[in-house]
């Protein structure tokens, strides 16, 4: 969105512009942003590639590695773009690489220079910044066993953002107050249309709040809620699957502005 705001890209730009010769050359940035590119899951493809060959993946595996490997294996899209909504981590990986190509710096450095530092987010970073961060949290399985890091952690765009609660609040306020991204960019509606069913789900950010209109039940991903809204959404899920975290969530809800 920032590159769009700066006039450096268009949402209509195709992948062929940034990756000459790529199999998915006709897919657009808009297709990636709206999860309608039809790309296969890179996590499964890359993991299976090394598992089946019984070789260790490179220690410096990154976004370039994903794209090169998928092209080497001639991985085609699951379907033509703009046919249906299908949440895609692969799309975010490709988008992060486009950011690197256009900006000339790593995705981590881009986010630091253009968002985290200007917003005073001193406790936020991308996992691929190759820095040591004291107090870095660990992921757990539901039985409190550590989630083991693996080679896919070297890929960015779809995950690997660490932030404190205070920094997340700064991020939220910056979006609402148009500190970096202007009102026109953030108020632009995203319309998802599935031709096979004729269902529309319009999602628009107005005045810093999420509004939506559906013609049927529809799952929304990566939308921006206020902290109280987010806590309420997670509360409903926690009551069903993780009641042990409810006391902590209650404390966070009480502190939310």
C-alpha atoms as a PDB file:
ATOM      1  CA  UNK A   1       0.000   0.000   0.000  1.00  0.00           C
ATOM      2  CA  UNK A   2       2.814   2.420   0.779  1.00  0.00           C
ATOM      3  CA  UNK A   3       4.483   1.720  -2.579  1.00  0.00           C
ATOM      4  CA  UNK A   4       1.121   2.275  -4.257  1.00  0.00           C
ATOM      5  CA  UNK A   5       0.753   5.566  -2.369  1.00  0.00           C
ATOM      6  CA  UNK A   6       4.233   6.615  -3.512  1.00  0.00           C
ATOM      7  CA  UNK A   7       3.346   5.861  -7.136  1.00  0.00           C
ATOM      8  CA  UNK A   8       5.989   3.142  -7.426  1.00  0.00           C
ATOM      9  CA  UNK A   9       3.576   0.317  -8.235  1.00  0.00           C
ATOM     10  CA  UNK A  10       0.067  -0.194  -9.526  1.00  0.00           C
ATOM     11  CA  UNK A  11      -2.299  -2.841  -8.227  1.00  0.00           C
ATOM     12  CA  UNK A  12      -2.689  -3.867 -11.877  1.00  0.00           C
ATOM     13  CA  UNK A  13       1.034  -4.661 -12.247  1.00  0.00           C
ATOM     14  CA  UNK A  14       1.612  -8.322 -13.102  1.00  0.00           C
ATOM     15  CA  UNK A  15       4.243 -10.636 -11.657  1.00  0.00           C
ATOM     16  CA  UNK A  16       5.889 -10.771 -15.065  1.00  0.00           C
ATOM     17  CA  UNK A  17       6.972  -7.164 -14.536  1.00  0.00           C
ATOM     18  CA  UNK A  18       8.994  -8.099 -11.446  1.00  0.00           C
ATOM     19  CA  UNK A  19       9.923 -11.713 -12.236  1.00  0.00           C
ATOM     20  CA  UNK A  20      10.657 -12.096 -15.964  1.00  0.00           C
ATOM     21  CA  UNK A  21       9.882 -15.608 -17.175  1.00  0.00           C
ATOM     22  CA  UNK A  22       7.901 -16.611 -14.092  1.00  0.00           C
ATOM     23  CA  UNK A  23       5.144 -19.153 -14.630  1.00  0.00           C
ATOM     24  CA  UNK A  24       2.576 -16.951 -12.888  1.00  0.00           C
ATOM     25  CA  UNK A  25       3.384 -13.913 -15.057  1.00  0.00           C
ATOM     26  CA  UNK A  26      -0.263 -12.864 -15.570  1.00  0.00           C
ATOM     27  CA  UNK A  27      -1.172 -12.712 -11.853  1.00  0.00           C
ATOM     28  CA  UNK A  28      -1.573  -9.130 -10.591  1.00  0.00           C
ATOM     29  CA  UNK A  29      -0.686  -7.475  -7.307  1.00  0.00           C
ATOM     30  CA  UNK A  30      -4.407  -7.017  -6.710  1.00  0.00           C
ATOM     31  CA  UNK A  31      -4.911 -10.773  -7.113  1.00  0.00           C
ATOM     32  CA  UNK A  32      -2.283 -11.349  -4.410  1.00  0.00           C
ATOM     33  CA  UNK A  33      -3.693  -8.724  -2.036  1.00  0.00           C
ATOM     34  CA  UNK A  34      -7.236 -10.089  -2.319  1.00  0.00           C
ATOM     35  CA  UNK A  35      -6.198 -13.775  -2.056  1.00  0.00           C
ATOM     36  CA  UNK A  36      -7.503 -14.515  -5.531  1.00  0.00           C
ATOM     37  CA  UNK A  37      -4.269 -15.487  -7.277  1.00  0.00           C
ATOM     38  CA  UNK A  38      -4.852 -19.236  -7.026  1.00  0.00           C
ATOM     39  CA  UNK A  39      -1.307 -20.033  -5.875  1.00  0.00           C
ATOM     40  CA  UNK A  40      -0.471 -23.332  -4.189  1.00  0.00           C
ATOM     41  CA  UNK A  41       0.802 -23.535  -0.588  1.00  0.00           C
ATOM     42  CA  UNK A  42       4.540 -22.888  -0.553  1.00  0.00           C
ATOM     43  CA  UNK A  43       4.955 -24.411   2.908  1.00  0.00           C
ATOM     44  CA  UNK A  44       3.787 -27.841   1.771  1.00  0.00           C
ATOM     45  CA  UNK A  45       5.700 -27.714  -1.506  1.00  0.00           C
ATOM     46  CA  UNK A  46       9.021 -26.661   0.013  1.00  0.00           C
ATOM     47  CA  UNK A  47       8.767 -28.985   3.009  1.00  0.00           C
ATOM     48  CA  UNK A  48       7.878 -31.972   0.826  1.00  0.00           C
ATOM     49  CA  UNK A  49      10.658 -31.168  -1.635  1.00  0.00           C
ATOM     50  CA  UNK A  50      13.413 -31.663   0.947  1.00  0.00           C
ATOM     51  CA  UNK A  51      11.616 -34.379   2.881  1.00  0.00           C
ATOM     52  CA  UNK A  52      11.146 -36.577  -0.194  1.00  0.00           C
ATOM     53  CA  UNK A  53      14.771 -36.121  -1.238  1.00  0.00           C
ATOM     54  CA  UNK A  54      15.987 -36.718   2.322  1.00  0.00           C
ATOM     55  CA  UNK A  55      18.302 -33.715   2.217  1.00  0.00           C
ATOM     56  CA  UNK A  56      18.608 -30.788   4.558  1.00  0.00           C
ATOM     57  CA  UNK A  57      17.293 -27.443   3.285  1.00  0.00           C
ATOM     58  CA  UNK A  58      19.795 -24.563   3.061  1.00  0.00           C
ATOM     59  CA  UNK A  59      20.289 -22.587   6.250  1.00  0.00           C
ATOM     60  CA  UNK A  60      19.720 -19.314   4.389  1.00  0.00           C
ATOM     61  CA  UNK A  61      16.354 -20.305   2.899  1.00  0.00           C
ATOM     62  CA  UNK A  62      14.338 -17.154   2.142  1.00  0.00           C
ATOM     63  CA  UNK A  63      11.720 -15.644  -0.169  1.00  0.00           C
ATOM     64  CA  UNK A  64      14.015 -15.964  -3.165  1.00  0.00           C
ATOM     65  CA  UNK A  65      14.453 -19.639  -2.341  1.00  0.00           C
ATOM     66  CA  UNK A  66      10.686 -20.194  -2.327  1.00  0.00           C
ATOM     67  CA  UNK A  67      10.159 -18.607  -5.724  1.00  0.00           C
ATOM     68  CA  UNK A  68      13.184 -20.320  -7.305  1.00  0.00           C
ATOM     69  CA  UNK A  69      12.206 -23.740  -5.946  1.00  0.00           C
ATOM     70  CA  UNK A  70       8.588 -23.463  -7.062  1.00  0.00           C
ATOM     71  CA  UNK A  71       9.672 -22.372 -10.527  1.00  0.00           C
ATOM     72  CA  UNK A  72      12.259 -25.172 -10.708  1.00  0.00           C
ATOM     73  CA  UNK A  73       9.479 -27.646  -9.929  1.00  0.00           C
ATOM     74  CA  UNK A  74       7.232 -25.943 -12.501  1.00  0.00           C
ATOM     75  CA  UNK A  75       4.542 -25.426  -9.877  1.00  0.00           C
ATOM     76  CA  UNK A  76       1.543 -23.984 -11.625  1.00  0.00           C
ATOM     77  CA  UNK A  77      -1.310 -22.067 -10.025  1.00  0.00           C
ATOM     78  CA  UNK A  78      -4.175 -24.179  -8.738  1.00  0.00           C
ATOM     79  CA  UNK A  79      -6.589 -22.167 -10.857  1.00  0.00           C
ATOM     80  CA  UNK A  80      -6.785 -19.079 -13.022  1.00  0.00           C
ATOM     81  CA  UNK A  81      -6.590 -15.821 -11.047  1.00  0.00           C
ATOM     82  CA  UNK A  82      -9.739 -14.091  -9.836  1.00  0.00           C
ATOM     83  CA  UNK A  83     -11.803 -17.280  -9.851  1.00  0.00           C
ATOM     84  CA  UNK A  84     -12.296 -17.618  -6.093  1.00  0.00           C
ATOM     85  CA  UNK A  85     -11.092 -16.423  -2.701  1.00  0.00           C
ATOM     86  CA  UNK A  86      -8.496 -18.702  -1.118  1.00  0.00           C
ATOM     87  CA  UNK A  87      -6.314 -17.370   1.717  1.00  0.00           C
ATOM     88  CA  UNK A  88      -2.708 -17.573   0.558  1.00  0.00           C
ATOM     89  CA  UNK A  89       0.525 -17.295   2.522  1.00  0.00           C
ATOM     90  CA  UNK A  90       2.331 -17.792  -0.787  1.00  0.00           C
ATOM     91  CA  UNK A  91       0.826 -14.531  -1.996  1.00  0.00           C
ATOM     92  CA  UNK A  92       2.285 -12.655   0.964  1.00  0.00           C
ATOM     93  CA  UNK A  93       5.723 -14.170   0.315  1.00  0.00           C
ATOM     94  CA  UNK A  94       5.622 -12.954  -3.285  1.00  0.00           C
ATOM     95  CA  UNK A  95       4.370  -9.521  -2.205  1.00  0.00           C
ATOM     96  CA  UNK A  96       7.246  -9.165   0.275  1.00  0.00           C
ATOM     97  CA  UNK A  97       9.679  -9.991  -2.509  1.00  0.00           C
ATOM     98  CA  UNK A  98       8.099  -7.349  -4.729  1.00  0.00           C
ATOM     99  CA  UNK A  99       8.635  -4.835  -1.912  1.00  0.00           C
ATOM    100  CA  UNK A 100      12.321  -5.804  -1.865  1.00  0.00           C
ATOM    101  CA  UNK A 101      12.673  -5.520  -5.628  1.00  0.00           C
ATOM    102  CA  UNK A 102      11.003  -2.114  -5.820  1.00  0.00           C
ATOM    103  CA  UNK A 103      12.622  -0.602  -2.715  1.00  0.00           C
ATOM    104  CA  UNK A 104      16.080  -2.126  -3.154  1.00  0.00           C
ATOM    105  CA  UNK A 105      16.294  -3.164   0.518  1.00  0.00           C
ATOM    106  CA  UNK A 106      15.251  -6.210   2.511  1.00  0.00           C
ATOM    107  CA  UNK A 107      11.639  -6.492   3.614  1.00  0.00           C
ATOM    108  CA  UNK A 108      12.795  -6.211   7.231  1.00  0.00           C
ATOM    109  CA  UNK A 109      14.764  -3.010   6.562  1.00  0.00           C
ATOM    110  CA  UNK A 110      11.862  -1.570   4.573  1.00  0.00           C
ATOM    111  CA  UNK A 111       9.438  -2.100   7.427  1.00  0.00           C
ATOM    112  CA  UNK A 112      11.875  -0.662   9.966  1.00  0.00           C
ATOM    113  CA  UNK A 113      12.658   2.455   7.939  1.00  0.00           C
ATOM    114  CA  UNK A 114       9.128   3.208   6.766  1.00  0.00           C
ATOM    115  CA  UNK A 115       6.936   2.041   9.632  1.00  0.00           C
ATOM    116  CA  UNK A 116       8.508   0.805  12.849  1.00  0.00           C
ATOM    117  CA  UNK A 117      11.081   3.569  13.395  1.00  0.00           C
ATOM    118  CA  UNK A 118       8.848   6.514  12.343  1.00  0.00           C
ATOM    119  CA  UNK A 119       6.068   5.194  14.601  1.00  0.00           C
ATOM    120  CA  UNK A 120       8.395   4.699  17.570  1.00  0.00           C
ATOM    121  CA  UNK A 121       7.804   0.938  17.597  1.00  0.00           C
ATOM    122  CA  UNK A 122      11.019   0.110  19.405  1.00  0.00           C
ATOM    123  CA  UNK A 123       9.951  -3.409  20.324  1.00  0.00           C
ATOM    124  CA  UNK A 124       8.882  -4.583  16.880  1.00  0.00           C
ATOM    125  CA  UNK A 125      10.897  -6.402  14.243  1.00  0.00           C
ATOM    126  CA  UNK A 126      10.751  -8.917  11.417  1.00  0.00           C
ATOM    127  CA  UNK A 127      12.194 -12.303  12.331  1.00  0.00           C
ATOM    128  CA  UNK A 128      14.586 -12.235   9.362  1.00  0.00           C
ATOM    129  CA  UNK A 129      16.524  -9.140  10.506  1.00  0.00           C
ATOM    130  CA  UNK A 130      19.436 -11.356  11.721  1.00  0.00           C
ATOM    131  CA  UNK A 131      19.527  -9.520  15.046  1.00  0.00           C
ATOM    132  CA  UNK A 132      19.495 -10.942  18.580  1.00  0.00           C
ATOM    133  CA  UNK A 133      16.411  -9.793  20.492  1.00  0.00           C
ATOM    134  CA  UNK A 134      16.420 -10.397  24.257  1.00  0.00           C
ATOM    135  CA  UNK A 135      13.024 -11.435  25.529  1.00  0.00           C
ATOM    136  CA  UNK A 136      11.903 -12.869  22.192  1.00  0.00           C
ATOM    137  CA  UNK A 137       8.852 -15.048  22.734  1.00  0.00           C
ATOM    138  CA  UNK A 138       8.519 -18.677  21.691  1.00  0.00           C
ATOM    139  CA  UNK A 139       5.607 -20.448  20.099  1.00  0.00           C
ATOM    140  CA  UNK A 140       3.944 -23.394  21.812  1.00  0.00           C
ATOM    141  CA  UNK A 141       1.772 -26.320  20.900  1.00  0.00           C
ATOM    142  CA  UNK A 142      -1.454 -26.583  22.882  1.00  0.00           C
ATOM    143  CA  UNK A 143       0.240 -28.859  25.460  1.00  0.00           C
ATOM    144  CA  UNK A 144       2.909 -26.168  26.109  1.00  0.00           C
ATOM    145  CA  UNK A 145       5.649 -27.915  24.160  1.00  0.00           C
ATOM    146  CA  UNK A 146       7.916 -25.460  22.322  1.00  0.00           C
ATOM    147  CA  UNK A 147       7.263 -24.975  18.636  1.00  0.00           C
ATOM    148  CA  UNK A 148      10.585 -25.819  16.982  1.00  0.00           C
ATOM    149  CA  UNK A 149      12.045 -23.316  14.521  1.00  0.00           C
ATOM    150  CA  UNK A 150      12.613 -24.630  11.015  1.00  0.00           C
ATOM    151  CA  UNK A 151      13.981 -23.454   7.673  1.00  0.00           C
ATOM    152  CA  UNK A 152      10.707 -21.821   6.643  1.00  0.00           C
ATOM    153  CA  UNK A 153      11.180 -19.246   9.410  1.00  0.00           C
ATOM    154  CA  UNK A 154      13.649 -17.555   7.066  1.00  0.00           C
ATOM    155  CA  UNK A 155      10.737 -16.594   4.809  1.00  0.00           C
ATOM    156  CA  UNK A 156       8.980 -13.278   5.485  1.00  0.00           C
ATOM    157  CA  UNK A 157       5.832 -11.501   4.442  1.00  0.00           C
ATOM    158  CA  UNK A 158       3.405 -14.104   5.701  1.00  0.00           C
ATOM    159  CA  UNK A 159       4.621 -14.344   9.308  1.00  0.00           C
ATOM    160  CA  UNK A 160       7.504 -13.606  11.661  1.00  0.00           C
ATOM    161  CA  UNK A 161       6.489 -10.158  12.916  1.00  0.00           C
ATOM    162  CA  UNK A 162       7.262  -9.704  16.618  1.00  0.00           C
ATOM    163  CA  UNK A 163       5.688  -6.793  18.505  1.00  0.00           C
ATOM    164  CA  UNK A 164       4.845  -5.764  22.037  1.00  0.00           C
ATOM    165  CA  UNK A 165       1.270  -4.905  22.993  1.00  0.00           C
ATOM    166  CA  UNK A 166       2.281  -1.249  23.288  1.00  0.00           C
ATOM    167  CA  UNK A 167       3.714  -1.232  19.790  1.00  0.00           C
ATOM    168  CA  UNK A 168       0.590  -2.904  18.421  1.00  0.00           C
ATOM    169  CA  UNK A 169      -1.397  -0.029  19.900  1.00  0.00           C
ATOM    170  CA  UNK A 170       0.912   2.475  18.150  1.00  0.00           C
ATOM    171  CA  UNK A 171       0.375   0.585  14.880  1.00  0.00           C
ATOM    172  CA  UNK A 172      -3.392   0.682  15.345  1.00  0.00           C
ATOM    173  CA  UNK A 173      -3.389   4.409  16.086  1.00  0.00           C
ATOM    174  CA  UNK A 174      -1.157   5.149  13.098  1.00  0.00           C
ATOM    175  CA  UNK A 175      -3.622   3.428  10.775  1.00  0.00           C
ATOM    176  CA  UNK A 176      -6.600   5.245  12.259  1.00  0.00           C
ATOM    177  CA  UNK A 177      -4.873   8.631  12.195  1.00  0.00           C
ATOM    178  CA  UNK A 178      -3.325   8.168   8.717  1.00  0.00           C
ATOM    179  CA  UNK A 179       0.153   8.818  10.079  1.00  0.00           C
ATOM    180  CA  UNK A 180       1.877   7.043   7.186  1.00  0.00           C
ATOM    181  CA  UNK A 181      -0.778   5.592   4.912  1.00  0.00           C
ATOM    182  CA  UNK A 182      -3.152   8.285   3.741  1.00  0.00           C
ATOM    183  CA  UNK A 183      -6.929   8.235   4.004  1.00  0.00           C
ATOM    184  CA  UNK A 184      -7.473   7.511   0.308  1.00  0.00           C
ATOM    185  CA  UNK A 185      -5.338   4.378   0.471  1.00  0.00           C
ATOM    186  CA  UNK A 186      -6.925   3.048   3.661  1.00  0.00           C
ATOM    187  CA  UNK A 187     -10.497   3.926   2.686  1.00  0.00           C
ATOM    188  CA  UNK A 188     -10.278   2.165  -0.660  1.00  0.00           C
ATOM    189  CA  UNK A 189     -12.886  -0.631  -0.648  1.00  0.00           C
ATOM    190  CA  UNK A 190     -11.825  -4.201  -1.248  1.00  0.00           C
ATOM    191  CA  UNK A 191     -14.545  -6.067  -3.091  1.00  0.00           C
ATOM    192  CA  UNK A 192     -14.362  -9.842  -3.247  1.00  0.00           C
ATOM    193  CA  UNK A 193     -16.572 -11.495  -5.841  1.00  0.00           C
ATOM    194  CA  UNK A 194     -16.966 -15.216  -6.421  1.00  0.00           C
ATOM    195  CA  UNK A 195     -18.383 -15.754  -9.876  1.00  0.00           C
ATOM    196  CA  UNK A 196     -19.324 -19.372  -9.202  1.00  0.00           C
ATOM    197  CA  UNK A 197     -21.768 -18.363  -6.454  1.00  0.00           C
ATOM    198  CA  UNK A 198     -22.426 -14.710  -7.179  1.00  0.00           C
ATOM    199  CA  UNK A 199     -21.699 -13.794  -3.568  1.00  0.00           C
ATOM    200  CA  UNK A 200     -20.327 -10.393  -2.671  1.00  0.00           C
ATOM    201  CA  UNK A 201     -18.523  -9.410   0.497  1.00  0.00           C
ATOM    202  CA  UNK A 202     -17.609  -5.741   0.634  1.00  0.00           C
ATOM    203  CA  UNK A 203     -15.053  -4.680   3.228  1.00  0.00           C
ATOM    204  CA  UNK A 204     -14.340  -1.006   3.790  1.00  0.00           C
ATOM    205  CA  UNK A 205     -12.366   0.857   6.436  1.00  0.00           C
ATOM    206  CA  UNK A 206     -14.111   4.116   7.330  1.00  0.00           C
ATOM    207  CA  UNK A 207     -13.064   6.417  10.137  1.00  0.00           C
ATOM    208  CA  UNK A 208     -10.672   3.832  11.507  1.00  0.00           C
ATOM    209  CA  UNK A 209     -13.352   1.163  11.910  1.00  0.00           C
ATOM    210  CA  UNK A 210     -14.235  -1.910   9.929  1.00  0.00           C
ATOM    211  CA  UNK A 211     -17.549  -2.020   8.114  1.00  0.00           C
ATOM    212  CA  UNK A 212     -18.823  -4.849   5.976  1.00  0.00           C
ATOM    213  CA  UNK A 213     -21.817  -5.822   3.887  1.00  0.00           C
ATOM    214  CA  UNK A 214     -22.496  -9.413   2.936  1.00  0.00           C
ATOM    215  CA  UNK A 215     -24.983 -11.166   0.712  1.00  0.00           C
ATOM    216  CA  UNK A 216     -24.094 -14.416   2.475  1.00  0.00           C
ATOM    217  CA  UNK A 217     -21.983 -15.706   5.341  1.00  0.00           C
ATOM    218  CA  UNK A 218     -18.365 -14.980   4.467  1.00  0.00           C
ATOM    219  CA  UNK A 219     -15.019 -15.491   6.190  1.00  0.00           C
ATOM    220  CA  UNK A 220     -12.837 -12.372   6.489  1.00  0.00           C
ATOM    221  CA  UNK A 221      -9.082 -12.559   6.941  1.00  0.00           C
ATOM    222  CA  UNK A 222      -6.476  -9.956   7.873  1.00  0.00           C
ATOM    223  CA  UNK A 223      -8.968  -7.239   8.643  1.00  0.00           C
ATOM    224  CA  UNK A 224      -8.203  -4.430  11.086  1.00  0.00           C
ATOM    225  CA  UNK A 225     -10.166  -4.309  14.318  1.00  0.00           C
ATOM    226  CA  UNK A 226      -9.854  -2.010  17.288  1.00  0.00           C
ATOM    227  CA  UNK A 227      -8.245  -3.661  20.314  1.00  0.00           C
ATOM    228  CA  UNK A 228     -11.582  -4.159  22.130  1.00  0.00           C
ATOM    229  CA  UNK A 229     -13.094  -5.671  18.981  1.00  0.00           C
ATOM    230  CA  UNK A 230     -10.123  -7.979  18.559  1.00  0.00           C
ATOM    231  CA  UNK A 231     -10.264  -9.092  22.178  1.00  0.00           C
ATOM    232  CA  UNK A 232     -13.973  -9.807  21.900  1.00  0.00           C
ATOM    233  CA  UNK A 233     -13.418 -11.917  18.792  1.00  0.00           C
ATOM    234  CA  UNK A 234     -10.621 -13.876  20.457  1.00  0.00           C
ATOM    235  CA  UNK A 235     -12.656 -14.199  23.662  1.00  0.00           C
ATOM    236  CA  UNK A 236     -15.368 -16.059  21.805  1.00  0.00           C
ATOM    237  CA  UNK A 237     -12.802 -18.461  20.373  1.00  0.00           C
ATOM    238  CA  UNK A 238     -10.991 -18.891  23.695  1.00  0.00           C
ATOM    239  CA  UNK A 239     -14.184 -19.835  25.514  1.00  0.00           C
ATOM    240  CA  UNK A 240     -14.465 -22.778  23.147  1.00  0.00           C
ATOM    241  CA  UNK A 241     -10.883 -23.990  22.855  1.00  0.00           C
ATOM    242  CA  UNK A 242      -8.569 -22.388  25.441  1.00  0.00           C
ATOM    243  CA  UNK A 243     -10.441 -21.334  28.595  1.00  0.00           C
ATOM    244  CA  UNK A 244      -7.185 -21.235  30.582  1.00  0.00           C
ATOM    245  CA  UNK A 245      -6.191 -17.958  28.891  1.00  0.00           C
ATOM    246  CA  UNK A 246      -9.434 -16.149  29.779  1.00  0.00           C
ATOM    247  CA  UNK A 247      -8.066 -14.479  32.976  1.00  0.00           C
ATOM    248  CA  UNK A 248      -5.205 -12.903  30.982  1.00  0.00           C
ATOM    249  CA  UNK A 249      -7.567 -11.817  28.229  1.00  0.00           C
ATOM    250  CA  UNK A 250      -9.919 -10.279  30.795  1.00  0.00           C
ATOM    251  CA  UNK A 251      -7.047  -8.197  32.148  1.00  0.00           C
ATOM    252  CA  UNK A 252      -6.153  -7.048  28.607  1.00  0.00           C
ATOM    253  CA  UNK A 253      -9.773  -6.225  27.859  1.00  0.00           C
ATOM    254  CA  UNK A 254     -10.077  -4.111  31.009  1.00  0.00           C
ATOM    255  CA  UNK A 255      -6.934  -2.179  30.054  1.00  0.00           C
ATOM    256  CA  UNK A 256      -7.984  -1.641  26.431  1.00  0.00           C
ATOM    257  CA  UNK A 257      -8.735   1.981  25.505  1.00  0.00           C
END
